[in-house]
Amino acid sequence: EERRNFDLRRLLTGSERLIDHILNFTETEPMYLLSA
């Protein structure tokens, strides 16, 4: 709202591993597919 062109990567630096990891989980762990 304050800065439409804000580069969000600055706030997520170091957290990419969490995104990578949850993507791996959603592809390999059936509990994500079944929401369980």
PDB file of all heavy atoms in Angstrom:
ATOM      1  N   GLU A   1       0.831  -1.202   0.000  1.00  0.00           N
ATOM      2  CA  GLU A   1       0.000   0.000   0.000  1.00  0.00           C
ATOM      3  C   GLU A   1       0.862   1.248   0.000  1.00  0.00           C
ATOM      4  O   GLU A   1       0.531   2.260  -0.633  1.00  0.00           O
ATOM      5  CB  GLU A   1      -0.927  -0.001   1.223  1.00  0.00           C
ATOM      6  CG  GLU A   1      -2.093  -0.959   1.114  1.00  0.00           C
ATOM      7  CD  GLU A   1      -2.949  -0.961   2.376  1.00  0.00           C
ATOM      8  OE1 GLU A   1      -2.503  -0.374   3.391  1.00  0.00           O
ATOM      9  OE2 GLU A   1      -4.050  -1.535   2.340  1.00  0.00           O
ATOM     10  N   GLU A   2       1.993   1.179   0.703  1.00  0.00           N
ATOM     11  CA  GLU A   2       2.882   2.338   0.789  1.00  0.00           C
ATOM     12  C   GLU A   2       3.812   2.445  -0.416  1.00  0.00           C
ATOM     13  O   GLU A   2       4.141   3.542  -0.857  1.00  0.00           O
ATOM     14  CB  GLU A   2       3.710   2.257   2.074  1.00  0.00           C
ATOM     15  CG  GLU A   2       2.859   2.362   3.342  1.00  0.00           C
ATOM     16  CD  GLU A   2       3.684   2.195   4.606  1.00  0.00           C
ATOM     17  OE1 GLU A   2       4.886   1.829   4.516  1.00  0.00           O
ATOM     18  OE2 GLU A   2       3.130   2.415   5.702  1.00  0.00           O
ATOM     19  N   ARG A   3       4.260   1.276  -0.940  1.00  0.00           N
ATOM     20  CA  ARG A   3       5.203   1.279  -2.073  1.00  0.00           C
ATOM     21  C   ARG A   3       4.835   0.143  -3.019  1.00  0.00           C
ATOM     22  O   ARG A   3       5.190  -1.014  -2.779  1.00  0.00           O
ATOM     23  CB  ARG A   3       6.643   1.112  -1.583  1.00  0.00           C
ATOM     24  CG  ARG A   3       7.171   2.312  -0.822  1.00  0.00           C
ATOM     25  CD  ARG A   3       8.639   2.081  -0.455  1.00  0.00           C
ATOM     26  NE  ARG A   3       9.463   1.854  -1.639  1.00  0.00           N
ATOM     27  CZ  ARG A   3      10.732   1.435  -1.567  1.00  0.00           C
ATOM     28  NH1 ARG A   3      11.296   1.195  -0.401  1.00  0.00           N
ATOM     29  NH2 ARG A   3      11.416   1.256  -2.685  1.00  0.00           N
ATOM     30  N   ARG A   4       4.132   0.467  -4.076  1.00  0.00           N
ATOM     31  CA  ARG A   4       3.654  -0.560  -5.005  1.00  0.00           C
ATOM     32  C   ARG A   4       4.805  -1.304  -5.656  1.00  0.00           C
ATOM     33  O   ARG A   4       4.691  -2.493  -5.975  1.00  0.00           O
ATOM     34  CB  ARG A   4       2.765   0.097  -6.069  1.00  0.00           C
ATOM     35  CG  ARG A   4       2.116  -0.900  -7.024  1.00  0.00           C
ATOM     36  CD  ARG A   4       1.093  -0.217  -7.904  1.00  0.00           C
ATOM     37  NE  ARG A   4       0.485  -1.175  -8.819  1.00  0.00           N
ATOM     38  CZ  ARG A   4       0.944  -1.433 -10.038  1.00  0.00           C
ATOM     39  NH1 ARG A   4       2.027  -0.805 -10.481  1.00  0.00           N
ATOM     40  NH2 ARG A   4       0.324  -2.302 -10.803  1.00  0.00           N
ATOM     41  N   ASN A   5       5.938  -0.632  -5.863  1.00  0.00           N
ATOM     42  CA  ASN A   5       7.080  -1.241  -6.545  1.00  0.00           C
ATOM     43  C   ASN A   5       8.096  -1.837  -5.572  1.00  0.00           C
ATOM     44  O   ASN A   5       9.241  -2.087  -5.958  1.00  0.00           O
ATOM     45  CB  ASN A   5       7.778  -0.204  -7.432  1.00  0.00           C
ATOM     46  CG  ASN A   5       6.962   0.136  -8.666  1.00  0.00           C
ATOM     47  OD1 ASN A   5       6.331  -0.732  -9.251  1.00  0.00           O
ATOM     48  ND2 ASN A   5       6.969   1.405  -9.040  1.00  0.00           N
ATOM     49  N   PHE A   6       7.704  -2.079  -4.357  1.00  0.00           N
ATOM     50  CA  PHE A   6       8.631  -2.607  -3.350  1.00  0.00           C
ATOM     51  C   PHE A   6       9.188  -3.969  -3.786  1.00  0.00           C
ATOM     52  O   PHE A   6       8.457  -4.807  -4.331  1.00  0.00           O
ATOM     53  CB  PHE A   6       7.905  -2.751  -2.011  1.00  0.00           C
ATOM     54  CG  PHE A   6       8.801  -3.195  -0.887  1.00  0.00           C
ATOM     55  CD1 PHE A   6       9.628  -2.307  -0.234  1.00  0.00           C
ATOM     56  CD2 PHE A   6       8.813  -4.538  -0.492  1.00  0.00           C
ATOM     57  CE1 PHE A   6      10.444  -2.719   0.804  1.00  0.00           C
ATOM     58  CE2 PHE A   6       9.628  -4.964   0.542  1.00  0.00           C
ATOM     59  CZ  PHE A   6      10.452  -4.052   1.194  1.00  0.00           C
ATOM     60  N   ASP A   7      10.487  -4.165  -3.549  1.00  0.00           N
ATOM     61  CA  ASP A   7      11.146  -5.442  -3.863  1.00  0.00           C
ATOM     62  C   ASP A   7      11.031  -6.349  -2.641  1.00  0.00           C
ATOM     63  O   ASP A   7      11.790  -6.221  -1.679  1.00  0.00           O
ATOM     64  CB  ASP A   7      12.608  -5.202  -4.222  1.00  0.00           C
ATOM     65  CG  ASP A   7      13.287  -6.480  -4.733  1.00  0.00           C
ATOM     66  OD1 ASP A   7      12.685  -7.573  -4.619  1.00  0.00           O
ATOM     67  OD2 ASP A   7      14.425  -6.391  -5.231  1.00  0.00           O
ATOM     68  N   LEU A   8      10.076  -7.273  -2.683  1.00  0.00           N
ATOM     69  CA  LEU A   8       9.796  -8.124  -1.519  1.00  0.00           C
ATOM     70  C   LEU A   8      10.949  -9.065  -1.179  1.00  0.00           C
ATOM     71  O   LEU A   8      11.040  -9.571  -0.060  1.00  0.00           O
ATOM     72  CB  LEU A   8       8.517  -8.930  -1.782  1.00  0.00           C
ATOM     73  CG  LEU A   8       7.889  -9.649  -0.580  1.00  0.00           C
ATOM     74  CD1 LEU A   8       7.474  -8.654   0.497  1.00  0.00           C
ATOM     75  CD2 LEU A   8       6.676 -10.481  -1.025  1.00  0.00           C
ATOM     76  N   ARG A   9      11.845  -9.281  -2.113  1.00  0.00           N
ATOM     77  CA  ARG A   9      12.976 -10.180  -1.856  1.00  0.00           C
ATOM     78  C   ARG A   9      13.823  -9.706  -0.687  1.00  0.00           C
ATOM     79  O   ARG A   9      14.459 -10.505   0.000  1.00  0.00           O
ATOM     80  CB  ARG A   9      13.833 -10.323  -3.114  1.00  0.00           C
ATOM     81  CG  ARG A   9      13.188 -11.136  -4.211  1.00  0.00           C
ATOM     82  CD  ARG A   9      14.063 -11.200  -5.440  1.00  0.00           C
ATOM     83  NE  ARG A   9      14.206  -9.884  -6.069  1.00  0.00           N
ATOM     84  CZ  ARG A   9      14.926  -9.668  -7.161  1.00  0.00           C
ATOM     85  NH1 ARG A   9      15.599 -10.667  -7.711  1.00  0.00           N
ATOM     86  NH2 ARG A   9      14.999  -8.456  -7.694  1.00  0.00           N
ATOM     87  N   ARG A  10      13.829  -8.404  -0.432  1.00  0.00           N
ATOM     88  CA  ARG A  10      14.631  -7.862   0.666  1.00  0.00           C
ATOM     89  C   ARG A  10      14.146  -8.382   2.012  1.00  0.00           C
ATOM     90  O   ARG A  10      14.944  -8.605   2.923  1.00  0.00           O
ATOM     91  CB  ARG A  10      14.581  -6.334   0.655  1.00  0.00           C
ATOM     92  CG  ARG A  10      15.423  -5.713  -0.457  1.00  0.00           C
ATOM     93  CD  ARG A  10      15.547  -4.218  -0.248  1.00  0.00           C
ATOM     94  NE  ARG A  10      14.353  -3.511  -0.694  1.00  0.00           N
ATOM     95  CZ  ARG A  10      14.117  -2.227  -0.433  1.00  0.00           C
ATOM     96  NH1 ARG A  10      14.973  -1.532   0.278  1.00  0.00           N
ATOM     97  NH2 ARG A  10      13.038  -1.651  -0.891  1.00  0.00           N
ATOM     98  N   LEU A  11      12.852  -8.562   2.147  1.00  0.00           N
ATOM     99  CA  LEU A  11      12.304  -9.063   3.404  1.00  0.00           C
ATOM    100  C   LEU A  11      12.327 -10.590   3.486  1.00  0.00           C
ATOM    101  O   LEU A  11      12.246 -11.142   4.578  1.00  0.00           O
ATOM    102  CB  LEU A  11      10.865  -8.564   3.596  1.00  0.00           C
ATOM    103  CG  LEU A  11      10.696  -7.073   3.845  1.00  0.00           C
ATOM    104  CD1 LEU A  11       9.219  -6.738   4.031  1.00  0.00           C
ATOM    105  CD2 LEU A  11      11.494  -6.620   5.061  1.00  0.00           C
ATOM    106  N   LEU A  12      12.424 -11.241   2.349  1.00  0.00           N
ATOM    107  CA  LEU A  12      12.405 -12.709   2.340  1.00  0.00           C
ATOM    108  C   LEU A  12      13.805 -13.313   2.255  1.00  0.00           C
ATOM    109  O   LEU A  12      13.935 -14.541   2.218  1.00  0.00           O
ATOM    110  CB  LEU A  12      11.567 -13.211   1.158  1.00  0.00           C
ATOM    111  CG  LEU A  12      10.073 -12.883   1.198  1.00  0.00           C
ATOM    112  CD1 LEU A  12       9.391 -13.388  -0.059  1.00  0.00           C
ATOM    113  CD2 LEU A  12       9.410 -13.473   2.436  1.00  0.00           C
ATOM    114  N   THR A  13      14.834 -12.482   2.237  1.00  0.00           N
ATOM    115  CA  THR A  13      16.203 -12.995   2.157  1.00  0.00           C
ATOM    116  C   THR A  13      16.475 -13.973   3.300  1.00  0.00           C
ATOM    117  O   THR A  13      16.239 -13.661   4.471  1.00  0.00           O
ATOM    118  CB  THR A  13      17.223 -11.839   2.226  1.00  0.00           C
ATOM    119  OG1 THR A  13      17.000 -10.961   1.126  1.00  0.00           O
ATOM    120  CG2 THR A  13      18.647 -12.376   2.163  1.00  0.00           C
ATOM    121  N   GLY A  14      16.942 -15.162   2.949  1.00  0.00           N
ATOM    122  CA  GLY A  14      17.195 -16.197   3.945  1.00  0.00           C
ATOM    123  C   GLY A  14      16.013 -17.119   4.177  1.00  0.00           C
ATOM    124  O   GLY A  14      16.161 -18.185   4.791  1.00  0.00           O
ATOM    125  N   SER A  15      14.843 -16.712   3.693  1.00  0.00           N
ATOM    126  CA  SER A  15      13.634 -17.530   3.888  1.00  0.00           C
ATOM    127  C   SER A  15      13.279 -18.353   2.663  1.00  0.00           C
ATOM    128  O   SER A  15      12.296 -19.101   2.687  1.00  0.00           O
ATOM    129  CB  SER A  15      12.439 -16.627   4.255  1.00  0.00           C
ATOM    130  OG  SER A  15      12.689 -15.912   5.435  1.00  0.00           O
ATOM    131  N   GLU A  16      14.080 -18.211   1.594  1.00  0.00           N
ATOM    132  CA  GLU A  16      13.794 -18.980   0.380  1.00  0.00           C
ATOM    133  C   GLU A  16      13.818 -20.476   0.654  1.00  0.00           C
ATOM    134  O   GLU A  16      13.081 -21.239   0.025  1.00  0.00           O
ATOM    135  CB  GLU A  16      14.816 -18.642  -0.715  1.00  0.00           C
ATOM    136  CG  GLU A  16      14.799 -17.193  -1.161  1.00  0.00           C
ATOM    137  CD  GLU A  16      15.761 -16.332  -0.363  1.00  0.00           C
ATOM    138  OE1 GLU A  16      16.220 -16.785   0.712  1.00  0.00           O
ATOM    139  OE2 GLU A  16      16.045 -15.219  -0.823  1.00  0.00           O
ATOM    140  N   ARG A  17      14.668 -20.891   1.602  1.00  0.00           N
ATOM    141  CA  ARG A  17      14.757 -22.324   1.928  1.00  0.00           C
ATOM    142  C   ARG A  17      13.428 -22.847   2.443  1.00  0.00           C
ATOM    143  O   ARG A  17      13.078 -24.016   2.211  1.00  0.00           O
ATOM    144  CB  ARG A  17      15.853 -22.569   2.971  1.00  0.00           C
ATOM    145  CG  ARG A  17      15.624 -21.848   4.279  1.00  0.00           C
ATOM    146  CD  ARG A  17      16.735 -22.019   5.294  1.00  0.00           C
ATOM    147  NE  ARG A  17      16.516 -21.170   6.449  1.00  0.00           N
ATOM    148  CZ  ARG A  17      15.675 -21.469   7.432  1.00  0.00           C
ATOM    149  NH1 ARG A  17      15.000 -22.612   7.407  1.00  0.00           N
ATOM    150  NH2 ARG A  17      15.508 -20.646   8.448  1.00  0.00           N
ATOM    151  N   LEU A  18      12.669 -22.007   3.155  1.00  0.00           N
ATOM    152  CA  LEU A  18      11.359 -22.441   3.643  1.00  0.00           C
ATOM    153  C   LEU A  18      10.388 -22.654   2.494  1.00  0.00           C
ATOM    154  O   LEU A  18       9.593 -23.602   2.500  1.00  0.00           O
ATOM    155  CB  LEU A  18      10.794 -21.425   4.637  1.00  0.00           C
ATOM    156  CG  LEU A  18      11.530 -21.286   5.968  1.00  0.00           C
ATOM    157  CD1 LEU A  18      10.950 -20.123   6.770  1.00  0.00           C
ATOM    158  CD2 LEU A  18      11.448 -22.581   6.772  1.00  0.00           C
ATOM    159  N   ILE A  19      10.443 -21.769   1.492  1.00  0.00           N
ATOM    160  CA  ILE A  19       9.578 -21.925   0.313  1.00  0.00           C
ATOM    161  C   ILE A  19       9.998 -23.159  -0.478  1.00  0.00           C
ATOM    162  O   ILE A  19       9.160 -23.965  -0.893  1.00  0.00           O
ATOM    163  CB  ILE A  19       9.624 -20.655  -0.555  1.00  0.00           C
ATOM    164  CG1 ILE A  19       9.115 -19.452   0.242  1.00  0.00           C
ATOM    165  CG2 ILE A  19       8.786 -20.855  -1.819  1.00  0.00           C
ATOM    166  CD1 ILE A  19       9.237 -18.131  -0.495  1.00  0.00           C
ATOM    167  N   ASP A  20      11.315 -23.303  -0.702  1.00  0.00           N
ATOM    168  CA  ASP A  20      11.813 -24.486  -1.408  1.00  0.00           C
ATOM    169  C   ASP A  20      11.371 -25.759  -0.688  1.00  0.00           C
ATOM    170  O   ASP A  20      10.924 -26.731  -1.315  1.00  0.00           O
ATOM    171  CB  ASP A  20      13.341 -24.468  -1.487  1.00  0.00           C
ATOM    172  CG  ASP A  20      13.873 -23.367  -2.389  1.00  0.00           C
ATOM    173  OD1 ASP A  20      13.100 -22.879  -3.233  1.00  0.00           O
ATOM    174  OD2 ASP A  20      15.053 -23.012  -2.236  1.00  0.00           O
ATOM    175  N   HIS A  21      11.498 -25.736   0.617  1.00  0.00           N
ATOM    176  CA  HIS A  21      11.221 -26.935   1.418  1.00  0.00           C
ATOM    177  C   HIS A  21       9.748 -27.299   1.386  1.00  0.00           C
ATOM    178  O   HIS A  21       9.382 -28.477   1.266  1.00  0.00           O
ATOM    179  CB  HIS A  21      11.688 -26.699   2.858  1.00  0.00           C
ATOM    180  CG  HIS A  21      12.051 -27.942   3.595  1.00  0.00           C
ATOM    181  ND1 HIS A  21      11.132 -28.665   4.333  1.00  0.00           N
ATOM    182  CD2 HIS A  21      13.219 -28.623   3.705  1.00  0.00           C
ATOM    183  CE1 HIS A  21      11.729 -29.720   4.874  1.00  0.00           C
ATOM    184  NE2 HIS A  21      12.997 -29.721   4.512  1.00  0.00           N
ATOM    185  N   ILE A  22       8.884 -26.300   1.478  1.00  0.00           N
ATOM    186  CA  ILE A  22       7.453 -26.622   1.492  1.00  0.00           C
ATOM    187  C   ILE A  22       6.997 -27.089   0.114  1.00  0.00           C
ATOM    188  O   ILE A  22       6.078 -27.926  -0.003  1.00  0.00           O
ATOM    189  CB  ILE A  22       6.602 -25.449   2.002  1.00  0.00           C
ATOM    190  CG1 ILE A  22       5.281 -25.988   2.567  1.00  0.00           C
ATOM    191  CG2 ILE A  22       6.328 -24.407   0.923  1.00  0.00           C
ATOM    192  CD1 ILE A  22       4.557 -25.060   3.484  1.00  0.00           C
ATOM    193  N   LEU A  23       7.639 -26.600  -0.955  1.00  0.00           N
ATOM    194  CA  LEU A  23       7.322 -27.115  -2.286  1.00  0.00           C
ATOM    195  C   LEU A  23       7.725 -28.585  -2.399  1.00  0.00           C
ATOM    196  O   LEU A  23       6.970 -29.401  -2.953  1.00  0.00           O
ATOM    197  CB  LEU A  23       8.029 -26.286  -3.354  1.00  0.00           C
ATOM    198  CG  LEU A  23       7.358 -24.959  -3.708  1.00  0.00           C
ATOM    199  CD1 LEU A  23       8.259 -24.114  -4.584  1.00  0.00           C
ATOM    200  CD2 LEU A  23       6.020 -25.198  -4.397  1.00  0.00           C
ATOM    201  N   ASN A  24       8.888 -28.930  -1.871  1.00  0.00           N
ATOM    202  CA  ASN A  24       9.302 -30.342  -1.872  1.00  0.00           C
ATOM    203  C   ASN A  24       8.334 -31.189  -1.064  1.00  0.00           C
ATOM    204  O   ASN A  24       7.979 -32.307  -1.461  1.00  0.00           O
ATOM    205  CB  ASN A  24      10.718 -30.476  -1.308  1.00  0.00           C
ATOM    206  CG  ASN A  24      11.768 -29.888  -2.225  1.00  0.00           C
ATOM    207  OD1 ASN A  24      11.550 -29.788  -3.428  1.00  0.00           O
ATOM    208  ND2 ASN A  24      12.886 -29.479  -1.671  1.00  0.00           N
ATOM    209  N   PHE A  25       7.897 -30.666   0.078  1.00  0.00           N
ATOM    210  CA  PHE A  25       6.930 -31.382   0.907  1.00  0.00           C
ATOM    211  C   PHE A  25       5.628 -31.630   0.144  1.00  0.00           C
ATOM    212  O   PHE A  25       5.073 -32.735   0.176  1.00  0.00           O
ATOM    213  CB  PHE A  25       6.621 -30.572   2.169  1.00  0.00           C
ATOM    214  CG  PHE A  25       7.386 -31.006   3.389  1.00  0.00           C
ATOM    215  CD1 PHE A  25       7.438 -30.187   4.509  1.00  0.00           C
ATOM    216  CD2 PHE A  25       8.036 -32.229   3.444  1.00  0.00           C
ATOM    217  CE1 PHE A  25       8.132 -30.582   5.650  1.00  0.00           C
ATOM    218  CE2 PHE A  25       8.728 -32.624   4.570  1.00  0.00           C
ATOM    219  CZ  PHE A  25       8.777 -31.793   5.682  1.00  0.00           C
ATOM    220  N   THR A  26       5.122 -30.586  -0.512  1.00  0.00           N
ATOM    221  CA  THR A  26       3.825 -30.735  -1.187  1.00  0.00           C
ATOM    222  C   THR A  26       3.890 -31.745  -2.321  1.00  0.00           C
ATOM    223  O   THR A  26       2.867 -32.295  -2.727  1.00  0.00           O
ATOM    224  CB  THR A  26       3.335 -29.385  -1.742  1.00  0.00           C
ATOM    225  OG1 THR A  26       4.300 -28.861  -2.657  1.00  0.00           O
ATOM    226  CG2 THR A  26       3.092 -28.384  -0.626  1.00  0.00           C
ATOM    227  N   GLU A  27       5.090 -31.982  -2.837  1.00  0.00           N
ATOM    228  CA  GLU A  27       5.239 -32.932  -3.945  1.00  0.00           C
ATOM    229  C   GLU A  27       5.553 -34.346  -3.488  1.00  0.00           C
ATOM    230  O   GLU A  27       5.373 -35.298  -4.253  1.00  0.00           O
ATOM    231  CB  GLU A  27       6.337 -32.437  -4.888  1.00  0.00           C
ATOM    232  CG  GLU A  27       5.951 -31.185  -5.643  1.00  0.00           C
ATOM    233  CD  GLU A  27       7.075 -30.639  -6.499  1.00  0.00           C
ATOM    234  OE1 GLU A  27       8.243 -31.037  -6.297  1.00  0.00           O
ATOM    235  OE2 GLU A  27       6.786 -29.812  -7.375  1.00  0.00           O
ATOM    236  N   THR A  28       6.022 -34.511  -2.265  1.00  0.00           N
ATOM    237  CA  THR A  28       6.446 -35.839  -1.818  1.00  0.00           C
ATOM    238  C   THR A  28       5.642 -36.381  -0.646  1.00  0.00           C
ATOM    239  O   THR A  28       5.602 -37.594  -0.439  1.00  0.00           O
ATOM    240  CB  THR A  28       7.934 -35.821  -1.408  1.00  0.00           C
ATOM    241  OG1 THR A  28       8.131 -34.856  -0.361  1.00  0.00           O
ATOM    242  CG2 THR A  28       8.814 -35.447  -2.594  1.00  0.00           C
ATOM    243  N   GLU A  29       5.000 -35.520   0.130  1.00  0.00           N
ATOM    244  CA  GLU A  29       4.261 -35.954   1.313  1.00  0.00           C
ATOM    245  C   GLU A  29       2.758 -35.961   1.025  1.00  0.00           C
ATOM    246  O   GLU A  29       2.171 -34.916   0.766  1.00  0.00           O
ATOM    247  CB  GLU A  29       4.554 -35.026   2.497  1.00  0.00           C
ATOM    248  CG  GLU A  29       5.939 -35.178   3.081  1.00  0.00           C
ATOM    249  CD  GLU A  29       6.065 -36.450   3.909  1.00  0.00           C
ATOM    250  OE1 GLU A  29       5.036 -37.074   4.210  1.00  0.00           O
ATOM    251  OE2 GLU A  29       7.195 -36.810   4.254  1.00  0.00           O
ATOM    252  N   PRO A  30       2.111 -37.117   1.090  1.00  0.00           N
ATOM    253  CA  PRO A  30       0.673 -37.159   0.792  1.00  0.00           C
ATOM    254  C   PRO A  30      -0.186 -36.382   1.775  1.00  0.00           C
ATOM    255  O   PRO A  30      -1.323 -36.046   1.463  1.00  0.00           O
ATOM    256  CB  PRO A  30       0.357 -38.659   0.845  1.00  0.00           C
ATOM    257  CG  PRO A  30       1.465 -39.288   1.626  1.00  0.00           C
ATOM    258  CD  PRO A  30       2.674 -38.455   1.349  1.00  0.00           C
ATOM    259  N   MET A  31       0.354 -36.062   2.967  1.00  0.00           N
ATOM    260  CA  MET A  31      -0.480 -35.332   3.927  1.00  0.00           C
ATOM    261  C   MET A  31      -0.810 -33.936   3.418  1.00  0.00           C
ATOM    262  O   MET A  31      -1.817 -33.346   3.817  1.00  0.00           O
ATOM    263  CB  MET A  31       0.201 -35.254   5.299  1.00  0.00           C
ATOM    264  CG  MET A  31       1.518 -34.554   5.370  1.00  0.00           C
ATOM    265  SD  MET A  31       2.166 -34.619   7.071  1.00  0.00           S
ATOM    266  CE  MET A  31       3.746 -33.783   6.864  1.00  0.00           C
ATOM    267  N   TYR A  32       0.016 -33.386   2.512  1.00  0.00           N
ATOM    268  CA  TYR A  32      -0.304 -32.081   1.935  1.00  0.00           C
ATOM    269  C   TYR A  32      -1.418 -32.212   0.903  1.00  0.00           C
ATOM    270  O   TYR A  32      -2.327 -31.388   0.853  1.00  0.00           O
ATOM    271  CB  TYR A  32       0.945 -31.463   1.307  1.00  0.00           C
ATOM    272  CG  TYR A  32       1.927 -30.972   2.340  1.00  0.00           C
ATOM    273  CD1 TYR A  32       2.782 -31.860   2.992  1.00  0.00           C
ATOM    274  CD2 TYR A  32       1.982 -29.634   2.693  1.00  0.00           C
ATOM    275  CE1 TYR A  32       3.673 -31.424   3.955  1.00  0.00           C
ATOM    276  CE2 TYR A  32       2.868 -29.177   3.651  1.00  0.00           C
ATOM    277  CZ  TYR A  32       3.712 -30.080   4.285  1.00  0.00           C
ATOM    278  OH  TYR A  32       4.592 -29.642   5.250  1.00  0.00           O
ATOM    279  N   LEU A  33      -1.358 -33.244   0.093  1.00  0.00           N
ATOM    280  CA  LEU A  33      -2.418 -33.492  -0.884  1.00  0.00           C
ATOM    281  C   LEU A  33      -3.761 -33.699  -0.197  1.00  0.00           C
ATOM    282  O   LEU A  33      -4.792 -33.206  -0.655  1.00  0.00           O
ATOM    283  CB  LEU A  33      -2.070 -34.720  -1.731  1.00  0.00           C
ATOM    284  CG  LEU A  33      -3.125 -35.196  -2.724  1.00  0.00           C
ATOM    285  CD1 LEU A  33      -3.335 -34.163  -3.823  1.00  0.00           C
ATOM    286  CD2 LEU A  33      -2.734 -36.544  -3.325  1.00  0.00           C
ATOM    287  N   LEU A  34      -3.749 -34.419   0.936  1.00  0.00           N
ATOM    288  CA  LEU A  34      -4.993 -34.773   1.617  1.00  0.00           C
ATOM    289  C   LEU A  34      -5.363 -33.806   2.739  1.00  0.00           C
ATOM    290  O   LEU A  34      -6.356 -34.021   3.432  1.00  0.00           O
ATOM    291  CB  LEU A  34      -4.878 -36.187   2.198  1.00  0.00           C
ATOM    292  CG  LEU A  34      -4.616 -37.320   1.207  1.00  0.00           C
ATOM    293  CD1 LEU A  34      -4.650 -38.670   1.910  1.00  0.00           C
ATOM    294  CD2 LEU A  34      -5.622 -37.299   0.072  1.00  0.00           C
ATOM    295  N   SER A  35      -4.554 -32.758   2.932  1.00  0.00           N
ATOM    296  CA  SER A  35      -4.809 -31.786   4.011  1.00  0.00           C
ATOM    297  C   SER A  35      -4.978 -32.496   5.352  1.00  0.00           C
ATOM    298  O   SER A  35      -5.981 -32.335   6.055  1.00  0.00           O
ATOM    299  CB  SER A  35      -6.043 -30.938   3.687  1.00  0.00           C
ATOM    300  OG  SER A  35      -5.845 -30.206   2.497  1.00  0.00           O
ATOM    301  N   ALA A  36      -3.984 -33.291   5.700  1.00  0.00           N
ATOM    302  CA  ALA A  36      -4.042 -34.096   6.920  1.00  0.00           C
ATOM    303  C   ALA A  36      -2.664 -34.141   7.561  1.00  0.00           C
ATOM    304  O   ALA A  36      -1.669 -33.706   6.992  1.00  0.00           O
ATOM    305  CB  ALA A  36      -4.526 -35.510   6.593  1.00  0.00           C
TER     306      ALA A  36
END
